[in-house]
Amino acid sequence: MFVAALLSAAAGEEQPRVVYVYSDTCGYCSSFTPKFEQAVKALPARKVERLDIHKQRELEKAIALGAQVTPTVFVLKKGEIVGKLEGDVTEERLQKFMEEQMYSQSF
């Protein structure tokens, strides 16, 4: 239900939507979150949703979305998941991923 609603909402949006799956108790997330927040801040205004899997309701949403590890970043465009980045990657890799996904004109 959540995924269908999220994809449906993203289908009607001109700008991509970013979903960040993390946990406050995840060591990798503690390292990655500041990099993620900086990358999102550097982009033009976008819709960003954060799912903390430490909360049961958000865990269920993250699983339904297809998250298998934390941290995971999803990019949705026109009602589809078009990008997925897993793990505590470098700042450079995250920035490249975000730029490729956010500015791709393939959709």
PDB file of N, CA and C in Angstrom:
ATOM      1  N   MET A   1       0.819  -1.188   0.000  1.00  0.00           N
ATOM      2  CA  MET A   1       0.000   0.000   0.000  1.00  0.00           C
ATOM      3  C   MET A   1       0.868   1.259   0.000  1.00  0.00           C
ATOM      4  N   PHE A   2       1.855   1.303   0.899  1.00  0.00           N
ATOM      5  CA  PHE A   2       2.731   2.469   0.974  1.00  0.00           C
ATOM      6  C   PHE A   2       3.483   2.670  -0.332  1.00  0.00           C
ATOM      7  N   VAL A   3       4.059   1.590  -0.866  1.00  0.00           N
ATOM      8  CA  VAL A   3       4.849   1.708  -2.087  1.00  0.00           C
ATOM      9  C   VAL A   3       3.977   2.181  -3.240  1.00  0.00           C
ATOM     10  N   ALA A   4       2.788   1.613  -3.367  1.00  0.00           N
ATOM     11  CA  ALA A   4       1.876   2.034  -4.433  1.00  0.00           C
ATOM     12  C   ALA A   4       1.533   3.516  -4.294  1.00  0.00           C
ATOM     13  N   ALA A   5       1.260   3.958  -3.077  1.00  0.00           N
ATOM     14  CA  ALA A   5       0.931   5.369  -2.846  1.00  0.00           C
ATOM     15  C   ALA A   5       2.132   6.266  -3.143  1.00  0.00           C
ATOM     16  N   LEU A   6       3.318   5.827  -2.740  1.00  0.00           N
ATOM     17  CA  LEU A   6       4.527   6.610  -2.979  1.00  0.00           C
ATOM     18  C   LEU A   6       4.814   6.724  -4.471  1.00  0.00           C
ATOM     19  N   LEU A   7       4.725   5.603  -5.183  1.00  0.00           N
ATOM     20  CA  LEU A   7       4.972   5.620  -6.621  1.00  0.00           C
ATOM     21  C   LEU A   7       3.916   6.434  -7.354  1.00  0.00           C
ATOM     22  N   SER A   8       2.686   6.324  -6.898  1.00  0.00           N
ATOM     23  CA  SER A   8       1.606   7.099  -7.501  1.00  0.00           C
ATOM     24  C   SER A   8       1.847   8.596  -7.315  1.00  0.00           C
ATOM     25  N   ALA A   9       2.258   8.985  -6.123  1.00  0.00           N
ATOM     26  CA  ALA A   9       2.552  10.396  -5.857  1.00  0.00           C
ATOM     27  C   ALA A   9       3.718  10.866  -6.722  1.00  0.00           C
ATOM     28  N   ALA A  10       4.744  10.029  -6.838  1.00  0.00           N
ATOM     29  CA  ALA A  10       5.917  10.389  -7.637  1.00  0.00           C
ATOM     30  C   ALA A  10       5.570  10.473  -9.119  1.00  0.00           C
ATOM     31  N   ALA A  11       4.581   9.716  -9.557  1.00  0.00           N
ATOM     32  CA  ALA A  11       4.187   9.726 -10.969  1.00  0.00           C
ATOM     33  C   ALA A  11       3.688  11.093 -11.396  1.00  0.00           C
ATOM     34  N   GLY A  12       3.053  11.799 -10.496  1.00  0.00           N
ATOM     35  CA  GLY A  12       2.502  13.099 -10.827  1.00  0.00           C
ATOM     36  C   GLY A  12       3.442  14.263 -10.576  1.00  0.00           C
ATOM     37  N   GLU A  13       4.658  13.978 -10.161  1.00  0.00           N
ATOM     38  CA  GLU A  13       5.609  15.036  -9.833  1.00  0.00           C
ATOM     39  C   GLU A  13       6.607  15.243 -10.959  1.00  0.00           C
ATOM     40  N   GLU A  14       6.923  16.483 -11.216  1.00  0.00           N
ATOM     41  CA  GLU A  14       7.931  16.811 -12.224  1.00  0.00           C
ATOM     42  C   GLU A  14       9.336  16.480 -11.719  1.00  0.00           C
ATOM     43  N   GLN A  15       9.568  16.737 -10.445  1.00  0.00           N
ATOM     44  CA  GLN A  15      10.889  16.530  -9.865  1.00  0.00           C
ATOM     45  C   GLN A  15      10.997  15.129  -9.263  1.00  0.00           C
ATOM     46  N   PRO A  16      12.187  14.527  -9.347  1.00  0.00           N
ATOM     47  CA  PRO A  16      12.388  13.220  -8.716  1.00  0.00           C
ATOM     48  C   PRO A  16      12.188  13.300  -7.207  1.00  0.00           C
ATOM     49  N   ARG A  17      11.883  12.166  -6.616  1.00  0.00           N
ATOM     50  CA  ARG A  17      11.732  12.059  -5.167  1.00  0.00           C
ATOM     51  C   ARG A  17      12.840  11.129  -4.664  1.00  0.00           C
ATOM     52  N   VAL A  18      13.416  11.476  -3.525  1.00  0.00           N
ATOM     53  CA  VAL A  18      14.477  10.680  -2.911  1.00  0.00           C
ATOM     54  C   VAL A  18      13.931  10.076  -1.625  1.00  0.00           C
ATOM     55  N   VAL A  19      14.181   8.779  -1.434  1.00  0.00           N
ATOM     56  CA  VAL A  19      13.799   8.101  -0.196  1.00  0.00           C
ATOM     57  C   VAL A  19      15.081   7.545   0.418  1.00  0.00           C
ATOM     58  N   TYR A  20      15.353   7.960   1.649  1.00  0.00           N
ATOM     59  CA  TYR A  20      16.549   7.529   2.372  1.00  0.00           C
ATOM     60  C   TYR A  20      16.136   6.573   3.477  1.00  0.00           C
ATOM     61  N   VAL A  21      16.646   5.346   3.415  1.00  0.00           N
ATOM     62  CA  VAL A  21      16.354   4.318   4.413  1.00  0.00           C
ATOM     63  C   VAL A  21      17.581   4.180   5.311  1.00  0.00           C
ATOM     64  N   TYR A  22      17.362   4.321   6.620  1.00  0.00           N
ATOM     65  CA  TYR A  22      18.468   4.307   7.574  1.00  0.00           C
ATOM     66  C   TYR A  22      17.963   3.817   8.927  1.00  0.00           C
ATOM     67  N   SER A  23      18.892   3.732   9.863  1.00  0.00           N
ATOM     68  CA  SER A  23      18.541   3.437  11.248  1.00  0.00           C
ATOM     69  C   SER A  23      19.440   4.270  12.150  1.00  0.00           C
ATOM     70  N   ASP A  24      18.854   4.824  13.185  1.00  0.00           N
ATOM     71  CA  ASP A  24      19.642   5.603  14.146  1.00  0.00           C
ATOM     72  C   ASP A  24      20.674   4.743  14.867  1.00  0.00           C
ATOM     73  N   THR A  25      20.467   3.433  14.883  1.00  0.00           N
ATOM     74  CA  THR A  25      21.377   2.538  15.583  1.00  0.00           C
ATOM     75  C   THR A  25      22.408   1.896  14.652  1.00  0.00           C
ATOM     76  N   CYS A  26      22.419   2.269  13.393  1.00  0.00           N
ATOM     77  CA  CYS A  26      23.323   1.693  12.392  1.00  0.00           C
ATOM     78  C   CYS A  26      24.611   2.505  12.319  1.00  0.00           C
ATOM     79  N   GLY A  27      25.733   1.853  12.566  1.00  0.00           N
ATOM     80  CA  GLY A  27      27.023   2.533  12.507  1.00  0.00           C
ATOM     81  C   GLY A  27      27.328   3.088  11.124  1.00  0.00           C
ATOM     82  N   TYR A  28      27.022   2.315  10.081  1.00  0.00           N
ATOM     83  CA  TYR A  28      27.247   2.786   8.714  1.00  0.00           C
ATOM     84  C   TYR A  28      26.391   4.020   8.420  1.00  0.00           C
ATOM     85  N   CYS A  29      25.166   4.013   8.931  1.00  0.00           N
ATOM     86  CA  CYS A  29      24.268   5.158   8.724  1.00  0.00           C
ATOM     87  C   CYS A  29      24.803   6.403   9.421  1.00  0.00           C
ATOM     88  N   SER A  30      25.395   6.219  10.593  1.00  0.00           N
ATOM     89  CA  SER A  30      25.970   7.356  11.321  1.00  0.00           C
ATOM     90  C   SER A  30      27.059   8.031  10.501  1.00  0.00           C
ATOM     91  N   SER A  31      27.804   7.229   9.766  1.00  0.00           N
ATOM     92  CA  SER A  31      28.850   7.762   8.897  1.00  0.00           C
ATOM     93  C   SER A  31      28.267   8.351   7.613  1.00  0.00           C
ATOM     94  N   PHE A  32      27.245   7.696   7.068  1.00  0.00           N
ATOM     95  CA  PHE A  32      26.688   8.075   5.770  1.00  0.00           C
ATOM     96  C   PHE A  32      25.723   9.257   5.830  1.00  0.00           C
ATOM     97  N   THR A  33      24.937   9.356   6.894  1.00  0.00           N
ATOM     98  CA  THR A  33      23.888  10.385   6.968  1.00  0.00           C
ATOM     99  C   THR A  33      24.405  11.802   6.731  1.00  0.00           C
ATOM    100  N   PRO A  34      25.513  12.225   7.340  1.00  0.00           N
ATOM    101  CA  PRO A  34      25.995  13.586   7.049  1.00  0.00           C
ATOM    102  C   PRO A  34      26.336  13.782   5.566  1.00  0.00           C
ATOM    103  N   LYS A  35      26.888  12.748   4.925  1.00  0.00           N
ATOM    104  CA  LYS A  35      27.191  12.844   3.494  1.00  0.00           C
ATOM    105  C   LYS A  35      25.901  12.964   2.691  1.00  0.00           C
ATOM    106  N   PHE A  36      24.898  12.174   3.074  1.00  0.00           N
ATOM    107  CA  PHE A  36      23.607  12.223   2.387  1.00  0.00           C
ATOM    108  C   PHE A  36      22.966  13.595   2.539  1.00  0.00           C
ATOM    109  N   GLU A  37      22.931  14.102   3.753  1.00  0.00           N
ATOM    110  CA  GLU A  37      22.306  15.404   4.001  1.00  0.00           C
ATOM    111  C   GLU A  37      23.012  16.507   3.211  1.00  0.00           C
ATOM    112  N   GLN A  38      24.322  16.426   3.103  1.00  0.00           N
ATOM    113  CA  GLN A  38      25.070  17.416   2.327  1.00  0.00           C
ATOM    114  C   GLN A  38      24.747  17.286   0.841  1.00  0.00           C
ATOM    115  N   ALA A  39      24.669  16.063   0.337  1.00  0.00           N
ATOM    116  CA  ALA A  39      24.360  15.845  -1.084  1.00  0.00           C
ATOM    117  C   ALA A  39      22.969  16.354  -1.426  1.00  0.00           C
ATOM    118  N   VAL A  40      22.013  16.116  -0.563  1.00  0.00           N
ATOM    119  CA  VAL A  40      20.642  16.571  -0.798  1.00  0.00           C
ATOM    120  C   VAL A  40      20.583  18.094  -0.738  1.00  0.00           C
ATOM    121  N   LYS A  41      21.316  18.660   0.183  1.00  0.00           N
ATOM    122  CA  LYS A  41      21.337  20.116   0.357  1.00  0.00           C
ATOM    123  C   LYS A  41      21.917  20.811  -0.877  1.00  0.00           C
ATOM    124  N   ALA A  42      22.864  20.162  -1.524  1.00  0.00           N
ATOM    125  CA  ALA A  42      23.534  20.745  -2.680  1.00  0.00           C
ATOM    126  C   ALA A  42      22.663  20.725  -3.936  1.00  0.00           C
ATOM    127  N   LEU A  43      21.618  19.932  -3.926  1.00  0.00           N
ATOM    128  CA  LEU A  43      20.735  19.831  -5.086  1.00  0.00           C
ATOM    129  C   LEU A  43      19.625  20.864  -5.010  1.00  0.00           C
ATOM    130  N   PRO A  44      19.020  21.179  -6.159  1.00  0.00           N
ATOM    131  CA  PRO A  44      17.842  22.056  -6.119  1.00  0.00           C
ATOM    132  C   PRO A  44      16.752  21.420  -5.257  1.00  0.00           C
ATOM    133  N   ALA A  45      15.785  22.210  -4.900  1.00  0.00           N
ATOM    134  CA  ALA A  45      14.702  21.724  -4.024  1.00  0.00           C
ATOM    135  C   ALA A  45      14.119  20.424  -4.573  1.00  0.00           C
ATOM    136  N   ARG A  46      14.115  19.416  -3.792  1.00  0.00           N
ATOM    137  CA  ARG A  46      13.597  18.094  -4.169  1.00  0.00           C
ATOM    138  C   ARG A  46      12.773  17.561  -3.011  1.00  0.00           C
ATOM    139  N   LYS A  47      11.995  16.583  -3.293  1.00  0.00           N
ATOM    140  CA  LYS A  47      11.250  15.915  -2.230  1.00  0.00           C
ATOM    141  C   LYS A  47      12.134  14.810  -1.668  1.00  0.00           C
ATOM    142  N   VAL A  48      12.342  14.838  -0.376  1.00  0.00           N
ATOM    143  CA  VAL A  48      13.165  13.841   0.297  1.00  0.00           C
ATOM    144  C   VAL A  48      12.347  13.241   1.426  1.00  0.00           C
ATOM    145  N   GLU A  49      12.284  11.913   1.446  1.00  0.00           N
ATOM    146  CA  GLU A  49      11.586  11.209   2.517  1.00  0.00           C
ATOM    147  C   GLU A  49      12.603  10.340   3.235  1.00  0.00           C
ATOM    148  N   ARG A  50      12.539  10.318   4.548  1.00  0.00           N
ATOM    149  CA  ARG A  50      13.458   9.523   5.361  1.00  0.00           C
ATOM    150  C   ARG A  50      12.675   8.445   6.090  1.00  0.00           C
ATOM    151  N   LEU A  51      13.163   7.209   6.002  1.00  0.00           N
ATOM    152  CA  LEU A  51      12.530   6.087   6.697  1.00  0.00           C
ATOM    153  C   LEU A  51      13.524   5.510   7.696  1.00  0.00           C
ATOM    154  N   ASP A  52      13.251   5.665   8.975  1.00  0.00           N
ATOM    155  CA  ASP A  52      14.090   5.116  10.043  1.00  0.00           C
ATOM    156  C   ASP A  52      13.566   3.723  10.373  1.00  0.00           C
ATOM    157  N   ILE A  53      14.308   2.689   9.961  1.00  0.00           N
ATOM    158  CA  ILE A  53      13.811   1.319  10.136  1.00  0.00           C
ATOM    159  C   ILE A  53      13.794   0.871  11.589  1.00  0.00           C
ATOM    160  N   HIS A  54      14.331   1.691  12.472  1.00  0.00           N
ATOM    161  CA  HIS A  54      14.255   1.373  13.898  1.00  0.00           C
ATOM    162  C   HIS A  54      12.807   1.460  14.383  1.00  0.00           C
ATOM    163  N   LYS A  55      11.988   2.164  13.622  1.00  0.00           N
ATOM    164  CA  LYS A  55      10.556   2.273  13.906  1.00  0.00           C
ATOM    165  C   LYS A  55       9.832   1.221  13.066  1.00  0.00           C
ATOM    166  N   GLN A  56       9.049   0.363  13.691  1.00  0.00           N
ATOM    167  CA  GLN A  56       8.427  -0.773  13.019  1.00  0.00           C
ATOM    168  C   GLN A  56       7.648  -0.378  11.766  1.00  0.00           C
ATOM    169  N   ARG A  57       6.866   0.677  11.854  1.00  0.00           N
ATOM    170  CA  ARG A  57       6.046   1.086  10.709  1.00  0.00           C
ATOM    171  C   ARG A  57       6.921   1.475   9.514  1.00  0.00           C
ATOM    172  N   GLU A  58       8.009   2.173   9.790  1.00  0.00           N
ATOM    173  CA  GLU A  58       8.899   2.580   8.712  1.00  0.00           C
ATOM    174  C   GLU A  58       9.731   1.412   8.203  1.00  0.00           C
ATOM    175  N   LEU A  59      10.030   0.440   9.060  1.00  0.00           N
ATOM    176  CA  LEU A  59      10.712  -0.775   8.630  1.00  0.00           C
ATOM    177  C   LEU A  59       9.871  -1.501   7.594  1.00  0.00           C
ATOM    178  N   GLU A  60       8.594  -1.638   7.859  1.00  0.00           N
ATOM    179  CA  GLU A  60       7.698  -2.308   6.916  1.00  0.00           C
ATOM    180  C   GLU A  60       7.660  -1.569   5.579  1.00  0.00           C
ATOM    181  N   LYS A  61       7.649  -0.258   5.616  1.00  0.00           N
ATOM    182  CA  LYS A  61       7.661   0.538   4.382  1.00  0.00           C
ATOM    183  C   LYS A  61       8.966   0.314   3.614  1.00  0.00           C
ATOM    184  N   ALA A  62      10.082   0.314   4.329  1.00  0.00           N
ATOM    185  CA  ALA A  62      11.386   0.140   3.692  1.00  0.00           C
ATOM    186  C   ALA A  62      11.493  -1.227   3.032  1.00  0.00           C
ATOM    187  N   ILE A  63      11.014  -2.258   3.716  1.00  0.00           N
ATOM    188  CA  ILE A  63      11.033  -3.609   3.149  1.00  0.00           C
ATOM    189  C   ILE A  63      10.161  -3.662   1.905  1.00  0.00           C
ATOM    190  N   ALA A  64       8.979  -3.068   1.979  1.00  0.00           N
ATOM    191  CA  ALA A  64       8.070  -3.059   0.831  1.00  0.00           C
ATOM    192  C   ALA A  64       8.691  -2.325  -0.357  1.00  0.00           C
ATOM    193  N   LEU A  65       9.490  -1.329  -0.075  1.00  0.00           N
ATOM    194  CA  LEU A  65      10.141  -0.566  -1.130  1.00  0.00           C
ATOM    195  C   LEU A  65      11.275  -1.358  -1.782  1.00  0.00           C
ATOM    196  N   GLY A  66      11.843  -2.304  -1.037  1.00  0.00           N
ATOM    197  CA  GLY A  66      12.913  -3.134  -1.575  1.00  0.00           C
ATOM    198  C   GLY A  66      14.254  -2.940  -0.899  1.00  0.00           C
ATOM    199  N   ALA A  67      14.270  -2.242   0.225  1.00  0.00           N
ATOM    200  CA  ALA A  67      15.522  -2.046   0.959  1.00  0.00           C
ATOM    201  C   ALA A  67      15.930  -3.354   1.625  1.00  0.00           C
ATOM    202  N   GLN A  68      17.206  -3.696   1.487  1.00  0.00           N
ATOM    203  CA  GLN A  68      17.728  -4.907   2.112  1.00  0.00           C
ATOM    204  C   GLN A  68      18.831  -4.604   3.109  1.00  0.00           C
ATOM    205  N   VAL A  69      19.421  -3.421   2.992  1.00  0.00           N
ATOM    206  CA  VAL A  69      20.497  -3.006   3.894  1.00  0.00           C
ATOM    207  C   VAL A  69      20.299  -1.535   4.247  1.00  0.00           C
ATOM    208  N   THR A  70      21.004  -1.101   5.280  1.00  0.00           N
ATOM    209  CA  THR A  70      21.038   0.326   5.578  1.00  0.00           C
ATOM    210  C   THR A  70      22.487   0.771   5.540  1.00  0.00           C
ATOM    211  N   PRO A  71      22.712   1.947   5.055  1.00  0.00           N
ATOM    212  CA  PRO A  71      21.767   2.875   4.450  1.00  0.00           C
ATOM    213  C   PRO A  71      21.460   2.510   2.999  1.00  0.00           C
ATOM    214  N   THR A  72      20.287   2.917   2.525  1.00  0.00           N
ATOM    215  CA  THR A  72      19.899   2.771   1.123  1.00  0.00           C
ATOM    216  C   THR A  72      19.221   4.060   0.674  1.00  0.00           C
ATOM    217  N   VAL A  73      19.563   4.492  -0.523  1.00  0.00           N
ATOM    218  CA  VAL A  73      18.943   5.672  -1.128  1.00  0.00           C
ATOM    219  C   VAL A  73      18.217   5.224  -2.389  1.00  0.00           C
ATOM    220  N   PHE A  74      16.931   5.559  -2.480  1.00  0.00           N
ATOM    221  CA  PHE A  74      16.138   5.294  -3.674  1.00  0.00           C
ATOM    222  C   PHE A  74      15.842   6.616  -4.362  1.00  0.00           C
ATOM    223  N   VAL A  75      15.779   6.589  -5.690  1.00  0.00           N
ATOM    224  CA  VAL A  75      15.318   7.744  -6.461  1.00  0.00           C
ATOM    225  C   VAL A  75      14.123   7.285  -7.279  1.00  0.00           C
ATOM    226  N   LEU A  76      13.027   8.030  -7.171  1.00  0.00           N
ATOM    227  CA  LEU A  76      11.798   7.720  -7.896  1.00  0.00           C
ATOM    228  C   LEU A  76      11.526   8.825  -8.903  1.00  0.00           C
ATOM    229  N   LYS A  77      11.174   8.405 -10.116  1.00  0.00           N
ATOM    230  CA  LYS A  77      10.793   9.353 -11.163  1.00  0.00           C
ATOM    231  C   LYS A  77       9.572   8.815 -11.878  1.00  0.00           C
ATOM    232  N   LYS A  78       8.630   9.668 -12.076  1.00  0.00           N
ATOM    233  CA  LYS A  78       7.438   9.340 -12.854  1.00  0.00           C
ATOM    234  C   LYS A  78       6.834   7.997 -12.467  1.00  0.00           C
ATOM    235  N   GLY A  79       6.767   7.742 -11.181  1.00  0.00           N
ATOM    236  CA  GLY A  79       6.105   6.551 -10.684  1.00  0.00           C
ATOM    237  C   GLY A  79       6.922   5.280 -10.689  1.00  0.00           C
ATOM    238  N   GLU A  80       8.222   5.386 -10.901  1.00  0.00           N
ATOM    239  CA  GLU A  80       9.080   4.203 -10.914  1.00  0.00           C
ATOM    240  C   GLU A  80      10.332   4.441 -10.080  1.00  0.00           C
ATOM    241  N   ILE A  81      10.849   3.349  -9.517  1.00  0.00           N
ATOM    242  CA  ILE A  81      12.147   3.413  -8.845  1.00  0.00           C
ATOM    243  C   ILE A  81      13.190   3.340  -9.951  1.00  0.00           C
ATOM    244  N   VAL A  82      13.979   4.384 -10.101  1.00  0.00           N
ATOM    245  CA  VAL A  82      14.959   4.428 -11.184  1.00  0.00           C
ATOM    246  C   VAL A  82      16.394   4.335 -10.683  1.00  0.00           C
ATOM    247  N   GLY A  83      16.579   4.433  -9.379  1.00  0.00           N
ATOM    248  CA  GLY A  83      17.922   4.341  -8.836  1.00  0.00           C
ATOM    249  C   GLY A  83      17.917   3.820  -7.417  1.00  0.00           C
ATOM    250  N   LYS A  84      18.945   3.042  -7.101  1.00  0.00           N
ATOM    251  CA  LYS A  84      19.082   2.486  -5.752  1.00  0.00           C
ATOM    252  C   LYS A  84      20.573   2.433  -5.432  1.00  0.00           C
ATOM    253  N   LEU A  85      20.945   3.006  -4.304  1.00  0.00           N
ATOM    254  CA  LEU A  85      22.332   3.011  -3.856  1.00  0.00           C
ATOM    255  C   LEU A  85      22.364   2.450  -2.444  1.00  0.00           C
ATOM    256  N   GLU A  86      23.172   1.415  -2.244  1.00  0.00           N
ATOM    257  CA  GLU A  86      23.215   0.748  -0.937  1.00  0.00           C
ATOM    258  C   GLU A  86      24.585   0.899  -0.292  1.00  0.00           C
ATOM    259  N   GLY A  87      24.569   1.057   1.019  1.00  0.00           N
ATOM    260  CA  GLY A  87      25.797   1.048   1.793  1.00  0.00           C
ATOM    261  C   GLY A  87      26.394   2.421   2.034  1.00  0.00           C
ATOM    262  N   ASP A  88      27.415   2.427   2.874  1.00  0.00           N
ATOM    263  CA  ASP A  88      28.121   3.657   3.240  1.00  0.00           C
ATOM    264  C   ASP A  88      29.184   3.931   2.185  1.00  0.00           C
ATOM    265  N   VAL A  89      28.763   4.497   1.068  1.00  0.00           N
ATOM    266  CA  VAL A  89      29.674   4.781  -0.035  1.00  0.00           C
ATOM    267  C   VAL A  89      30.395   6.104   0.215  1.00  0.00           C
ATOM    268  N   THR A  90      31.405   6.354  -0.596  1.00  0.00           N
ATOM    269  CA  THR A  90      32.153   7.604  -0.458  1.00  0.00           C
ATOM    270  C   THR A  90      31.283   8.799  -0.851  1.00  0.00           C
ATOM    271  N   GLU A  91      31.699   9.950  -0.399  1.00  0.00           N
ATOM    272  CA  GLU A  91      30.982  11.181  -0.746  1.00  0.00           C
ATOM    273  C   GLU A  91      30.970  11.386  -2.260  1.00  0.00           C
ATOM    274  N   GLU A  92      32.089  11.060  -2.907  1.00  0.00           N
ATOM    275  CA  GLU A  92      32.180  11.214  -4.357  1.00  0.00           C
ATOM    276  C   GLU A  92      31.210  10.286  -5.074  1.00  0.00           C
ATOM    277  N   ARG A  93      31.130   9.034  -4.617  1.00  0.00           N
ATOM    278  CA  ARG A  93      30.214   8.071  -5.247  1.00  0.00           C
ATOM    279  C   ARG A  93      28.766   8.497  -5.042  1.00  0.00           C
ATOM    280  N   LEU A  94      28.436   8.958  -3.859  1.00  0.00           N
ATOM    281  CA  LEU A  94      27.082   9.429  -3.582  1.00  0.00           C
ATOM    282  C   LEU A  94      26.742  10.622  -4.468  1.00  0.00           C
ATOM    283  N   GLN A  95      27.654  11.575  -4.559  1.00  0.00           N
ATOM    284  CA  GLN A  95      27.406  12.767  -5.378  1.00  0.00           C
ATOM    285  C   GLN A  95      27.197  12.382  -6.836  1.00  0.00           C
ATOM    286  N   LYS A  96      28.018  11.472  -7.342  1.00  0.00           N
ATOM    287  CA  LYS A  96      27.881  11.020  -8.734  1.00  0.00           C
ATOM    288  C   LYS A  96      26.529  10.342  -8.943  1.00  0.00           C
ATOM    289  N   PHE A  97      26.151   9.475  -8.024  1.00  0.00           N
ATOM    290  CA  PHE A  97      24.854   8.792  -8.107  1.00  0.00           C
ATOM    291  C   PHE A  97      23.714   9.800  -8.134  1.00  0.00           C
ATOM    292  N   MET A  98      23.748  10.755  -7.213  1.00  0.00           N
ATOM    293  CA  MET A  98      22.672  11.744  -7.131  1.00  0.00           C
ATOM    294  C   MET A  98      22.593  12.565  -8.416  1.00  0.00           C
ATOM    295  N   GLU A  99      23.721  12.998  -8.917  1.00  0.00           N
ATOM    296  CA  GLU A  99      23.719  13.791 -10.146  1.00  0.00           C
ATOM    297  C   GLU A  99      23.191  12.984 -11.321  1.00  0.00           C
ATOM    298  N   GLU A 100      23.642  11.732 -11.443  1.00  0.00           N
ATOM    299  CA  GLU A 100      23.170  10.880 -12.537  1.00  0.00           C
ATOM    300  C   GLU A 100      21.665  10.668 -12.457  1.00  0.00           C
ATOM    301  N   GLN A 101      21.171  10.391 -11.274  1.00  0.00           N
ATOM    302  CA  GLN A 101      19.748  10.091 -11.110  1.00  0.00           C
ATOM    303  C   GLN A 101      18.871  11.336 -11.210  1.00  0.00           C
ATOM    304  N   MET A 102      19.308  12.408 -10.616  1.00  0.00           N
ATOM    305  CA  MET A 102      18.471  13.603 -10.545  1.00  0.00           C
ATOM    306  C   MET A 102      18.419  14.360 -11.860  1.00  0.00           C
ATOM    307  N   TYR A 103      19.484  14.297 -12.621  1.00  0.00           N
ATOM    308  CA  TYR A 103      19.536  15.100 -13.839  1.00  0.00           C
ATOM    309  C   TYR A 103      19.410  14.281 -15.112  1.00  0.00           C
ATOM    310  N   SER A 104      19.253  12.971 -14.983  1.00  0.00           N
ATOM    311  CA  SER A 104      19.077  12.118 -16.152  1.00  0.00           C
ATOM    312  C   SER A 104      17.788  12.494 -16.871  1.00  0.00           C
ATOM    313  N   GLN A 105      17.869  12.619 -18.158  1.00  0.00           N
ATOM    314  CA  GLN A 105      16.688  12.958 -18.955  1.00  0.00           C
ATOM    315  C   GLN A 105      16.104  11.722 -19.630  1.00  0.00           C
ATOM    316  N   SER A 106      16.535  10.539 -19.202  1.00  0.00           N
ATOM    317  CA  SER A 106      16.076   9.310 -19.847  1.00  0.00           C
ATOM    318  C   SER A 106      14.618   9.010 -19.572  1.00  0.00           C
ATOM    319  N   PHE A 107      14.023   9.682 -18.603  1.00  0.00           N
ATOM    320  CA  PHE A 107      12.606   9.435 -18.306  1.00  0.00           C
ATOM    321  C   PHE A 107      11.774  10.606 -18.709  1.00  0.00           C
TER     322      PHE A 107
END
